[in-house]
């Protein structure tokens, strides 16, 4: 690692992807953030470590650089666990810092916004769950009102939407400030699906954590389980058999296709083209049924396990997978022509929810939405690891930055994933599907990064062995929605209220993966 401003003496973590860990002081913490910004790097995640039974408090940040992942930890004072604010450099850091304050009691000094984020008032004052991960939260007082930012002016009024929504959508509150139907400002309030996930990790054996990781966000179960297993395998310096790596990629690409098929149908439906929902739902159902038949679960949950995978594909199954990709690909191409030639759809898609390339870069937009705004970033291409280093993945990008661009990227990515699945099915190396993973009775760290269908999923893991047996000290799972929810607030400005559901669906961000 040779990036000016990054502390020297970083430790290279084991694993197929380049990742470094180091401890910084307050000056180096600030200098490193500036260096990452100047070099075109990004903040991936920020999380806290409470005091109490967890030892000395600390705050950590993970950065994406051209050379790989950089994980910096800043130890904090026990009496006043404050650290330099990063939200001036990275917009998404603001909410991460607020969540860290709620969970661990660490405080971003100089931050403009210190409102609670995950704590909706159910926890008593002074209680921070991750300071005492073995204890359940005591009962708190009544839920407090949230101080939304008010927009004043002639003709301005507010529209409150949620947190309870129609259908099965998860809870989230949206406060619109509008003049007529034109949106002047949107402010979100999330955290309603907080489940104590990070506390729960500390109560599980490390070899069982992949099951919980795979349930952080159900539509990204493969990505989260793979990222957790990658972090655990890094901490244990475990080698994964080649066939297992290829099967993990096959599962991940099937997960990507399933979600893109669902979103393309929902986007057509939100624009008034109901037949699109019917057609894409049919394709997605066929896709999920084959996954259930071959891998034991429609969403392929619990298929990725420490050391490899819990499933295999024989020759007959590989032929069926390839044949389904061919059939789905033909229908997808035909439906794309209909989308592109349908004047009503294009009228709703074009120009709606636009996020230009400069704004996307400044706000830290991530994943599929970033690629639709001219940001050509995809871990499968940028930091290739087996088997992606041999598959020549073509990243799907678009310069439009609007709903139409995000639809186009979904079509391109789905078709590319179909190609990748065929290539993987044809090129699976022989050998075992799971390697032996031995946890050493010592403290260790690991990190895992996976390009999920929504964007980059990150899992960082700290193990300790106070009595000679490895256990989870801290596990932080990070969803790309942390970066993208704030961008949605900007994307809707200047649009009309009826277009919000369409714009929101074009991002399709996670509540559960964000709220933990």
Protein backbone atom coordinates (compact mmCIF):
# COMPACT_ATOMS: atom_id res chain seq x y z
CA UNK A 1 0.00 0.00 0.00
CA UNK A 2 1.68 3.21 -1.21
CA UNK A 3 -0.87 6.01 -0.93
CA UNK A 4 0.47 9.32 0.46
CA UNK A 5 -1.44 10.19 3.62
CA UNK A 6 -2.28 6.58 4.53
CA UNK A 7 -0.39 5.53 7.69
CA UNK A 8 2.65 3.35 7.09
CA UNK A 9 2.99 -0.05 8.67
CA UNK A 10 -0.33 -1.46 7.52
CA UNK A 11 -0.77 -5.22 7.80
CA UNK A 12 -1.80 -7.15 4.70
CA UNK A 13 -4.77 -9.39 5.47
CA UNK A 14 -4.80 -12.90 3.97
CA UNK A 15 -7.18 -13.58 1.12
CA UNK A 16 -7.73 -13.43 -2.62
CA UNK A 17 -8.49 -9.70 -2.56
CA UNK A 18 -5.95 -7.06 -1.47
CA UNK A 19 -6.84 -5.65 1.96
CA UNK A 20 -4.82 -3.90 4.67
CA UNK A 21 -5.46 -3.12 8.34
CA UNK A 22 -3.81 -0.48 10.51
CA UNK A 23 -4.23 1.63 13.63
CA UNK A 24 -4.25 5.43 13.31
CA UNK A 25 -4.21 8.41 15.63
CA UNK A 26 -6.60 11.34 15.17
CA UNK A 27 -4.23 13.24 12.85
CA UNK A 28 -3.61 10.20 10.66
CA UNK A 29 -7.36 9.44 10.65
CA UNK A 30 -8.09 12.85 9.13
CA UNK A 31 -5.11 12.78 6.80
CA UNK A 32 -6.04 9.36 5.46
CA UNK A 33 -9.61 10.48 4.68
CA UNK A 34 -8.26 13.43 2.72
CA UNK A 35 -5.76 11.25 0.89
CA UNK A 36 -8.47 8.80 -0.13
CA UNK A 37 -10.62 11.65 -1.45
CA UNK A 38 -7.78 13.20 -3.48
CA UNK A 39 -6.86 9.85 -5.01
CA UNK A 40 -10.40 9.11 -6.17
CA UNK A 41 -11.04 6.53 -3.45
CA UNK A 42 -14.29 6.05 -1.56
CA UNK A 43 -15.52 5.49 1.96
CA UNK A 44 -17.02 2.02 2.10
CA UNK A 45 -18.14 1.87 5.72
CA UNK A 46 -17.71 3.40 9.17
CA UNK A 47 -18.55 1.62 12.42
CA UNK A 48 -17.85 1.86 16.13
CA UNK A 49 -16.59 -0.39 18.88
CA UNK A 50 -18.10 0.42 22.25
CA UNK A 51 -16.38 0.40 25.62
CA UNK A 52 -17.86 -1.56 28.49
CA UNK A 53 -17.34 -5.31 28.16
CA UNK A 54 -15.87 -4.78 24.69
CA UNK A 55 -12.75 -3.09 26.02
CA UNK A 56 -11.52 0.32 24.89
CA UNK A 57 -13.81 2.20 22.49
CA UNK A 58 -12.72 2.72 18.89
CA UNK A 59 -14.02 3.75 15.52
CA UNK A 60 -13.11 2.13 12.20
CA UNK A 61 -13.38 3.17 8.58
CA UNK A 62 -13.00 1.04 5.46
CA UNK A 63 -11.88 2.72 2.25
CA UNK A 64 -11.88 1.54 -1.35
CA UNK A 65 -8.65 2.56 -3.08
CA UNK A 66 -7.11 1.63 -6.40
CA UNK A 67 -4.85 -0.83 -4.55
CA UNK A 68 -7.61 -2.49 -2.53
CA UNK A 69 -9.36 -2.19 0.82
CA UNK A 70 -7.86 -0.09 3.62
CA UNK A 71 -9.28 -0.66 7.12
CA UNK A 72 -8.20 1.96 9.66
CA UNK A 73 -9.00 1.79 13.36
CA UNK A 74 -8.83 4.82 15.65
CA UNK A 75 -8.68 4.05 19.41
CA UNK A 76 -10.71 6.52 21.48
CA UNK A 77 -10.65 7.82 25.02
CA UNK A 78 -12.87 5.88 27.41
CA UNK A 79 -14.32 8.98 29.08
CA UNK A 80 -15.02 10.94 25.89
CA UNK A 81 -14.98 8.62 22.83
CA UNK A 82 -14.87 11.39 20.21
CA UNK A 83 -13.22 11.30 16.79
CA UNK A 84 -12.86 13.72 13.85
CA UNK A 85 -15.97 14.02 11.69
CA UNK A 86 -15.78 12.60 8.14
CA UNK A 87 -19.14 13.80 6.82
CA UNK A 88 -17.63 16.91 5.23
CA UNK A 89 -15.61 14.65 2.93
CA UNK A 90 -18.06 11.78 2.53
CA UNK A 91 -21.79 12.50 2.53
CA UNK A 92 -22.77 8.95 3.51
CA UNK A 93 -20.53 9.12 6.59
CA UNK A 94 -23.12 11.29 8.37
CA UNK A 95 -25.66 8.51 8.83
CA UNK A 96 -22.97 5.92 9.54
CA UNK A 97 -21.60 8.15 12.31
CA UNK A 98 -25.08 8.61 13.77
CA UNK A 99 -25.65 4.84 13.74
CA UNK A 100 -22.26 4.26 15.41
CA UNK A 101 -23.22 6.76 18.11
CA UNK A 102 -26.50 4.95 18.74
CA UNK A 103 -24.95 1.48 18.87
CA UNK A 104 -21.52 2.07 20.41
CA UNK A 105 -21.59 5.50 22.05
CA UNK A 106 -18.73 6.90 19.94
CA UNK A 107 -19.15 10.51 18.85
CA UNK A 108 -18.14 12.37 15.68
CA UNK A 109 -16.71 15.65 16.89
CA UNK A 110 -17.80 18.63 14.78
CA UNK A 111 -20.56 16.77 12.93
CA UNK A 112 -23.42 19.02 11.82
CA UNK A 113 -26.09 16.35 12.29
CA UNK A 114 -26.10 14.40 15.55
CA UNK A 115 -29.75 13.27 15.58
CA UNK A 116 -30.30 9.59 16.49
CA UNK A 117 -30.52 7.27 13.51
CA UNK A 118 -31.20 3.71 14.64
CA UNK A 119 -32.40 4.64 18.11
CA UNK A 120 -36.06 5.60 17.80
CA UNK A 121 -36.34 6.22 21.52
CA UNK A 122 -36.84 2.62 22.64
CA UNK A 123 -33.47 2.50 24.42
CA UNK A 124 -32.98 4.34 27.69
CA UNK A 125 -30.55 7.27 27.83
CA UNK A 126 -26.95 6.16 28.09
CA UNK A 127 -27.56 2.61 26.84
CA UNK A 128 -25.47 1.55 23.85
CA UNK A 129 -26.13 -2.06 22.73
CA UNK A 130 -22.63 -2.83 21.45
CA UNK A 131 -20.98 -1.76 24.68
CA UNK A 132 -22.67 -4.74 26.30
CA UNK A 133 -23.35 -7.24 23.50
CA UNK A 134 -24.24 -10.03 25.92
CA UNK A 135 -27.10 -8.02 27.42
CA UNK A 136 -30.53 -7.34 25.99
CA UNK A 137 -31.68 -3.73 25.85
CA UNK A 138 -33.79 -2.69 28.83
CA UNK A 139 -37.13 -1.07 28.18
CA UNK A 140 -37.00 2.61 27.24
CA UNK A 141 -39.41 5.48 27.36
CA UNK A 142 -41.92 6.57 24.75
CA UNK A 143 -40.70 7.00 21.18
CA UNK A 144 -39.47 10.54 20.65
CA UNK A 145 -40.50 12.86 17.84
CA UNK A 146 -37.91 13.14 15.10
CA UNK A 147 -36.88 16.73 14.27
CA UNK A 148 -37.31 16.83 10.51
CA UNK A 149 -35.82 19.80 8.68
CA UNK A 150 -38.57 22.25 7.78
CA UNK A 151 -38.75 24.08 4.45
CA UNK A 152 -40.45 27.48 4.72
CA UNK A 153 -41.88 29.60 1.94
CA UNK A 154 -45.00 30.70 0.14
CA UNK A 155 -47.05 27.70 -1.00
CA UNK A 156 -44.72 25.11 0.58
CA UNK A 157 -46.38 22.24 2.36
CA UNK A 158 -45.32 18.81 3.61
CA UNK A 159 -46.44 15.35 2.57
CA UNK A 160 -45.65 12.55 5.01
CA UNK A 161 -45.43 9.03 3.55
CA UNK A 162 -44.93 6.00 5.78
CA UNK A 163 -43.39 4.45 7.74
CA UNK A 164 -46.20 1.94 7.14
CA UNK A 165 -46.75 1.34 3.43
CA UNK A 166 -49.22 -0.62 1.33
CA UNK A 167 -48.33 -4.16 0.33
CA UNK A 168 -45.29 -5.92 1.79
CA UNK A 169 -42.75 -3.10 1.52
CA UNK A 170 -40.63 -2.63 4.65
CA UNK A 171 -41.12 0.47 6.82
CA UNK A 172 -39.47 3.78 6.06
CA UNK A 173 -40.67 7.35 6.49
CA UNK A 174 -40.43 9.92 3.67
CA UNK A 175 -41.14 13.59 4.34
CA UNK A 176 -41.65 15.63 1.16
CA UNK A 177 -41.57 19.43 1.04
CA UNK A 178 -43.46 20.44 -2.10
CA UNK A 179 -44.97 23.33 -4.01
CA UNK A 180 -47.93 21.94 -5.88
CA UNK A 181 -46.62 18.58 -7.09
CA UNK A 182 -42.99 19.67 -7.48
CA UNK A 183 -40.61 18.26 -4.86
CA UNK A 184 -38.34 20.83 -3.21
CA UNK A 185 -36.85 18.51 -0.62
CA UNK A 186 -37.10 14.92 0.56
CA UNK A 187 -35.95 13.78 3.97
CA UNK A 188 -35.87 10.13 4.96
CA UNK A 189 -36.22 8.52 8.36
CA UNK A 190 -35.12 4.89 8.45
CA UNK A 191 -34.08 2.45 11.15
CA UNK A 192 -37.51 0.91 11.73
CA UNK A 193 -36.24 -2.59 10.90
CA UNK A 194 -33.29 -2.51 13.30
CA UNK A 195 -32.96 -6.06 14.62
CA UNK A 196 -29.78 -6.06 16.73
CA UNK A 197 -27.94 -8.03 14.04
CA UNK A 198 -24.44 -6.89 14.99
CA UNK A 199 -25.06 -7.78 18.62
CA UNK A 200 -26.38 -11.18 17.57
CA UNK A 201 -23.13 -11.98 15.72
CA UNK A 202 -21.22 -11.82 19.02
CA UNK A 203 -23.45 -14.57 20.43
CA UNK A 204 -22.80 -16.99 17.57
CA UNK A 205 -19.85 -19.26 16.94
CA UNK A 206 -17.73 -17.90 14.05
CA UNK A 207 -18.51 -20.98 11.95
CA UNK A 208 -22.24 -20.26 12.29
CA UNK A 209 -22.13 -16.55 11.43
CA UNK A 210 -22.60 -17.09 7.70
CA UNK A 211 -26.21 -18.13 8.31
CA UNK A 212 -26.98 -14.83 10.04
CA UNK A 213 -25.07 -12.86 7.40
CA UNK A 214 -27.18 -14.51 4.72
CA UNK A 215 -30.28 -13.16 6.45
CA UNK A 216 -29.17 -9.54 6.75
CA UNK A 217 -30.88 -8.86 3.42
CA UNK A 218 -32.90 -11.67 1.89
CA UNK A 219 -32.54 -10.59 -1.74
CA UNK A 220 -28.73 -10.55 -1.31
CA UNK A 221 -28.28 -13.70 0.75
CA UNK A 222 -25.55 -15.12 -1.50
CA UNK A 223 -23.59 -11.87 -1.54
CA UNK A 224 -23.69 -11.46 2.25
CA UNK A 225 -22.90 -15.08 3.00
CA UNK A 226 -19.98 -15.00 0.55
CA UNK A 227 -18.64 -11.75 2.03
CA UNK A 228 -18.87 -13.17 5.57
CA UNK A 229 -17.19 -16.41 4.56
CA UNK A 230 -14.49 -14.44 2.74
CA UNK A 231 -13.83 -12.45 5.92
CA UNK A 232 -13.74 -15.59 8.06
CA UNK A 233 -11.48 -17.37 5.58
CA UNK A 234 -9.20 -14.33 5.60
CA UNK A 235 -9.03 -14.38 9.40
CA UNK A 236 -8.27 -18.11 9.36
CA UNK A 237 -5.94 -17.95 6.32
CA UNK A 238 -8.05 -20.68 4.71
CA UNK A 239 -7.77 -21.67 1.05
CA UNK A 240 -11.05 -22.25 -0.79
CA UNK A 241 -11.04 -25.00 -3.46
CA UNK A 242 -11.26 -23.73 -7.06
CA UNK A 243 -14.54 -25.54 -7.77
CA UNK A 244 -16.11 -23.89 -4.72
CA UNK A 245 -15.05 -20.44 -5.95
CA UNK A 246 -16.68 -21.07 -9.32
CA UNK A 247 -19.87 -22.33 -7.73
CA UNK A 248 -20.03 -19.26 -5.48
CA UNK A 249 -19.85 -17.06 -8.57
CA UNK A 250 -22.57 -19.10 -10.27
CA UNK A 251 -24.85 -18.61 -7.26
CA UNK A 252 -24.10 -14.89 -7.13
CA UNK A 253 -24.88 -14.39 -10.80
CA UNK A 254 -28.16 -16.30 -10.44
CA UNK A 255 -29.03 -14.00 -7.55
CA UNK A 256 -28.26 -10.98 -9.74
CA UNK A 257 -30.50 -12.21 -12.56
CA UNK A 258 -33.39 -13.00 -10.21
CA UNK A 259 -33.39 -9.48 -8.80
CA UNK A 260 -33.03 -7.75 -12.15
CA UNK A 261 -35.96 -9.74 -13.55
CA UNK A 262 -38.10 -8.71 -10.59
CA UNK A 263 -37.13 -5.05 -10.81
CA UNK A 264 -37.64 -4.77 -14.56
CA UNK A 265 -41.19 -6.04 -14.18
CA UNK A 266 -41.91 -3.77 -11.20
CA UNK A 267 -40.55 -0.72 -13.03
CA UNK A 268 -42.79 -1.38 -16.01
CA UNK A 269 -45.75 -1.80 -13.67
CA UNK A 270 -44.99 1.45 -11.83
CA UNK A 271 -45.09 3.23 -15.18
CA UNK A 272 -48.52 1.81 -15.98
CA UNK A 273 -47.42 -1.13 -18.16
CA UNK A 274 -48.92 -4.03 -16.19
CA UNK A 275 -48.18 -6.70 -18.80
CA UNK A 276 -44.48 -6.18 -18.10
CA UNK A 277 -44.96 -7.24 -14.49
CA UNK A 278 -46.76 -10.39 -15.64
CA UNK A 279 -44.06 -11.34 -18.14
CA UNK A 280 -41.08 -10.67 -15.89
CA UNK A 281 -42.79 -12.34 -12.93
CA UNK A 282 -43.22 -15.46 -15.08
CA UNK A 283 -39.55 -15.44 -16.01
CA UNK A 284 -38.45 -14.84 -12.43
CA UNK A 285 -40.67 -17.64 -11.13
CA UNK A 286 -39.17 -20.11 -13.61
CA UNK A 287 -35.70 -18.93 -12.53
CA UNK A 288 -36.41 -19.35 -8.80
CA UNK A 289 -37.99 -22.77 -9.26
CA UNK A 290 -34.86 -24.13 -10.92
CA UNK A 291 -32.76 -22.64 -8.12
CA UNK A 292 -34.95 -24.41 -5.57
CA UNK A 293 -34.66 -27.70 -7.45
CA UNK A 294 -30.90 -27.61 -7.92
CA UNK A 295 -29.75 -25.76 -4.78
CA UNK A 296 -32.47 -26.54 -2.25
CA UNK A 297 -33.80 -22.99 -1.83
CA UNK A 298 -35.45 -20.47 -4.14
CA UNK A 299 -33.06 -17.72 -3.00
CA UNK A 300 -30.12 -20.15 -2.56
CA UNK A 301 -29.93 -19.38 1.16
CA UNK A 302 -27.24 -21.24 3.16
CA UNK A 303 -25.55 -22.50 -0.01
CA UNK A 304 -22.34 -20.52 0.66
CA UNK A 305 -20.60 -21.91 3.75
CA UNK A 306 -17.18 -21.41 5.40
CA UNK A 307 -14.54 -23.03 3.23
CA UNK A 308 -16.72 -23.40 0.14
CA UNK A 309 -20.31 -24.27 -0.73
CA UNK A 310 -22.93 -26.74 0.49
CA UNK A 311 -24.07 -27.73 -3.01
CA UNK A 312 -22.67 -29.03 -6.27
CA UNK A 313 -23.66 -29.15 -9.93
CA UNK A 314 -23.38 -32.33 -11.99
CA UNK A 315 -23.23 -32.50 -15.78
CA UNK A 316 -26.99 -32.78 -16.20
CA UNK A 317 -27.62 -29.79 -13.92
CA UNK A 318 -25.00 -27.72 -15.78
CA UNK A 319 -26.77 -28.45 -19.06
CA UNK A 320 -30.12 -27.36 -17.57
CA UNK A 321 -28.59 -24.16 -16.21
CA UNK A 322 -27.13 -23.26 -19.59
CA UNK A 323 -30.36 -24.08 -21.42
CA UNK A 324 -32.38 -21.88 -19.06
CA UNK A 325 -29.95 -19.01 -19.63
CA UNK A 326 -30.41 -19.35 -23.38
CA UNK A 327 -34.20 -19.35 -23.09
CA UNK A 328 -34.39 -16.47 -20.61
CA UNK A 329 -31.91 -14.49 -22.69
CA UNK A 330 -34.09 -14.69 -25.80
CA UNK A 331 -37.17 -13.50 -23.91
CA UNK A 332 -35.20 -10.76 -22.20
CA UNK A 333 -34.01 -9.42 -25.54
CA UNK A 334 -37.57 -9.42 -26.89
CA UNK A 335 -38.91 -7.61 -23.82
CA UNK A 336 -36.13 -5.06 -24.08
CA UNK A 337 -37.25 -4.14 -27.59
CA UNK A 338 -40.79 -3.64 -26.28
CA UNK A 339 -39.52 -1.39 -23.46
CA UNK A 340 -37.42 0.71 -25.79
CA UNK A 341 -40.19 1.14 -28.36
CA UNK A 342 -43.00 1.80 -25.88
CA UNK A 343 -43.60 5.56 -25.97
CA UNK A 344 -45.50 5.61 -22.69
CA UNK A 345 -42.72 3.84 -20.79
CA UNK A 346 -39.99 6.01 -22.24
CA UNK A 347 -41.97 9.16 -21.43
CA UNK A 348 -42.05 8.11 -17.77
CA UNK A 349 -38.46 6.78 -17.63
CA UNK A 350 -36.54 9.46 -19.54
CA UNK A 351 -35.30 12.32 -17.36
CA UNK A 352 -36.92 11.07 -14.15
CA UNK A 353 -34.72 10.97 -11.04
CA UNK A 354 -31.59 12.09 -12.85
CA UNK A 355 -28.25 11.90 -11.02
CA UNK A 356 -25.43 13.25 -13.18
CA UNK A 357 -21.92 11.80 -13.18
CA UNK A 358 -20.41 14.67 -11.19
CA UNK A 359 -23.10 14.52 -8.52
CA UNK A 360 -22.85 10.73 -8.34
CA UNK A 361 -19.11 10.96 -7.75
CA UNK A 362 -19.45 13.70 -5.13
CA UNK A 363 -22.19 11.90 -3.22
CA UNK A 364 -20.50 8.51 -3.34
CA UNK A 365 -23.19 6.70 -5.32
CA UNK A 366 -22.52 2.98 -5.39
CA UNK A 367 -23.26 -0.13 -7.42
CA UNK A 368 -25.82 -0.43 -10.20
CA UNK A 369 -27.10 3.13 -9.70
CA UNK A 370 -23.56 4.51 -9.94
CA UNK A 371 -22.89 2.62 -13.16
CA UNK A 372 -26.07 4.16 -14.60
CA UNK A 373 -24.58 7.58 -13.80
CA UNK A 374 -21.31 7.07 -15.64
CA UNK A 375 -19.31 5.55 -12.76
CA UNK A 376 -17.63 2.46 -14.23
CA UNK A 377 -17.01 0.62 -10.95
CA UNK A 378 -17.63 -3.10 -10.54
CA UNK A 379 -15.58 -5.27 -8.18
CA UNK A 380 -15.81 -8.15 -10.63
CA UNK A 381 -13.75 -6.05 -13.04
CA UNK A 382 -11.76 -3.73 -10.76
CA UNK A 383 -10.37 -6.18 -8.19
CA UNK A 384 -10.78 -9.49 -9.93
CA UNK A 385 -10.52 -12.62 -7.84
CA UNK A 386 -11.14 -16.23 -8.85
CA UNK A 387 -13.10 -17.06 -10.89
CA UNK A 388 -13.82 -13.55 -12.16
CA UNK A 389 -10.18 -13.11 -13.13
CA UNK A 390 -10.75 -15.57 -15.99
CA UNK A 391 -14.31 -14.66 -17.03
CA UNK A 392 -13.66 -11.22 -18.58
CA UNK A 393 -16.71 -9.55 -17.02
CA UNK A 394 -18.07 -6.62 -19.01
CA UNK A 395 -19.35 -3.91 -16.65
CA UNK A 396 -22.63 -2.34 -17.75
CA UNK A 397 -22.55 1.47 -17.70
CA UNK A 398 -24.72 4.32 -18.92
CA UNK A 399 -24.26 8.08 -18.86
CA UNK A 400 -27.93 9.10 -18.54
CA UNK A 401 -28.27 8.87 -14.76
CA UNK A 402 -32.10 8.70 -14.91
CA UNK A 403 -34.66 5.93 -14.53
CA UNK A 404 -34.18 5.00 -18.19
CA UNK A 405 -30.44 4.55 -17.61
CA UNK A 406 -30.99 2.39 -14.55
CA UNK A 407 -33.41 0.24 -16.54
CA UNK A 408 -30.87 -0.10 -19.36
CA UNK A 409 -28.13 -1.14 -16.95
CA UNK A 410 -30.41 -3.81 -15.49
CA UNK A 411 -31.01 -5.28 -18.94
CA UNK A 412 -27.29 -5.23 -19.75
CA UNK A 413 -26.25 -6.74 -16.42
CA UNK A 414 -28.86 -9.49 -16.59
CA UNK A 415 -27.71 -10.49 -20.08
CA UNK A 416 -24.06 -10.43 -19.00
CA UNK A 417 -24.86 -12.58 -15.96
CA UNK A 418 -26.60 -15.09 -18.23
CA UNK A 419 -23.38 -15.28 -20.28
CA UNK A 420 -21.30 -15.71 -17.13
CA UNK A 421 -23.51 -18.52 -15.82
CA UNK A 422 -23.14 -20.38 -19.11
CA UNK A 423 -19.37 -19.90 -18.99
CA UNK A 424 -19.17 -21.08 -15.38
CA UNK A 425 -21.38 -24.12 -16.04
CA UNK A 426 -19.17 -25.09 -18.96
CA UNK A 427 -15.86 -24.43 -17.21
CA UNK A 428 -16.33 -25.76 -13.68
CA UNK A 429 -13.00 -27.19 -12.50
CA UNK A 430 -12.95 -30.62 -10.90
CA UNK A 431 -12.30 -31.12 -7.22
CA UNK A 432 -13.89 -30.71 -3.79
CA UNK A 433 -16.51 -28.06 -3.07
CA UNK A 434 -15.43 -27.32 0.50
CA UNK A 435 -12.05 -26.92 2.18
CA UNK A 436 -11.12 -27.39 5.80
CA UNK A 437 -11.28 -24.24 7.90
CA UNK A 438 -9.42 -24.30 11.20
CA UNK A 439 -9.83 -21.34 13.55
CA UNK A 440 -6.70 -20.61 15.52
CA UNK A 441 -6.97 -19.71 19.23
CA UNK A 442 -5.66 -16.19 18.60
CA UNK A 443 -7.10 -12.78 17.79
CA UNK A 444 -7.54 -12.30 14.03
CA UNK A 445 -9.19 -10.04 11.49
CA UNK A 446 -10.63 -10.50 8.04
CA UNK A 447 -12.57 -8.61 5.40
CA UNK A 448 -14.82 -9.70 2.55
CA UNK A 449 -16.09 -7.68 -0.43
CA UNK A 450 -18.56 -8.92 -3.01
CA UNK A 451 -20.26 -7.11 -5.90
CA UNK A 452 -23.87 -7.94 -5.11
CA UNK A 453 -26.69 -7.13 -7.49
CA UNK A 454 -27.44 -3.82 -5.72
CA UNK A 455 -23.79 -2.85 -5.22
CA UNK A 456 -20.79 -3.61 -3.07
CA UNK A 457 -21.41 -5.70 0.05
CA UNK A 458 -18.72 -5.50 2.75
CA UNK A 459 -18.25 -7.65 5.85
CA UNK A 460 -15.45 -6.99 8.35
CA UNK A 461 -14.81 -9.47 11.11
CA UNK A 462 -12.79 -9.41 14.33
CA UNK A 463 -12.16 -12.63 16.24
CA UNK A 464 -10.83 -13.02 19.76
CA UNK A 465 -9.86 -16.06 21.81
CA UNK A 466 -9.82 -15.08 25.50
CA UNK A 467 -10.08 -18.68 26.70
CA UNK A 468 -8.35 -20.39 23.79
CA UNK A 469 -11.51 -20.67 21.69
CA UNK A 470 -12.23 -18.31 18.81
CA UNK A 471 -15.34 -16.16 19.08
CA UNK A 472 -16.71 -13.10 17.31
CA UNK A 473 -15.66 -9.84 18.94
CA UNK A 474 -17.18 -7.64 16.23
CA UNK A 475 -18.81 -8.24 12.86
CA UNK A 476 -19.96 -5.32 10.76
CA UNK A 477 -22.04 -5.91 7.62
CA UNK A 478 -22.39 -3.00 5.22
CA UNK A 479 -25.00 -2.67 2.50
CA UNK A 480 -24.54 -0.35 -0.53
CA UNK A 481 -27.86 1.23 0.42
CA UNK A 482 -26.01 3.26 3.08
CA UNK A 483 -24.38 5.24 0.27
CA UNK A 484 -27.41 5.36 -1.99
CA UNK A 485 -30.31 6.30 0.30
CA UNK A 486 -28.98 9.88 0.71
CA UNK A 487 -28.54 10.16 -3.07
CA UNK A 488 -32.22 9.30 -3.57
CA UNK A 489 -33.07 12.47 -1.64
CA UNK A 490 -31.19 14.46 -4.30
CA UNK A 491 -32.52 12.45 -7.25
CA UNK A 492 -36.14 13.32 -6.52
CA UNK A 493 -35.62 17.10 -6.27
CA UNK A 494 -37.45 18.92 -9.08
CA UNK A 495 -39.55 15.88 -9.97
CA UNK A 496 -43.25 15.57 -9.28
CA UNK A 497 -44.58 13.56 -6.35
CA UNK A 498 -46.30 10.90 -8.53
CA UNK A 499 -42.89 10.00 -10.04
CA UNK A 500 -41.35 9.20 -6.65
CA UNK A 501 -42.46 5.53 -6.55
CA UNK A 502 -40.90 5.02 -9.98
CA UNK A 503 -37.65 6.78 -9.04
CA UNK A 504 -37.50 4.93 -5.73
CA UNK A 505 -37.99 1.57 -7.44
CA UNK A 506 -35.28 2.37 -9.99
CA UNK A 507 -32.79 2.45 -7.09
CA UNK A 508 -34.56 -0.35 -5.14
CA UNK A 509 -32.62 0.19 -1.93
CA UNK A 510 -32.69 -2.08 1.08
CA UNK A 511 -34.31 -1.22 4.39
CA UNK A 512 -33.33 -4.41 6.19
CA UNK A 513 -29.71 -4.41 4.97
CA UNK A 514 -29.37 -0.78 6.00
CA UNK A 515 -31.06 -0.94 9.39
CA UNK A 516 -29.36 -4.14 10.67
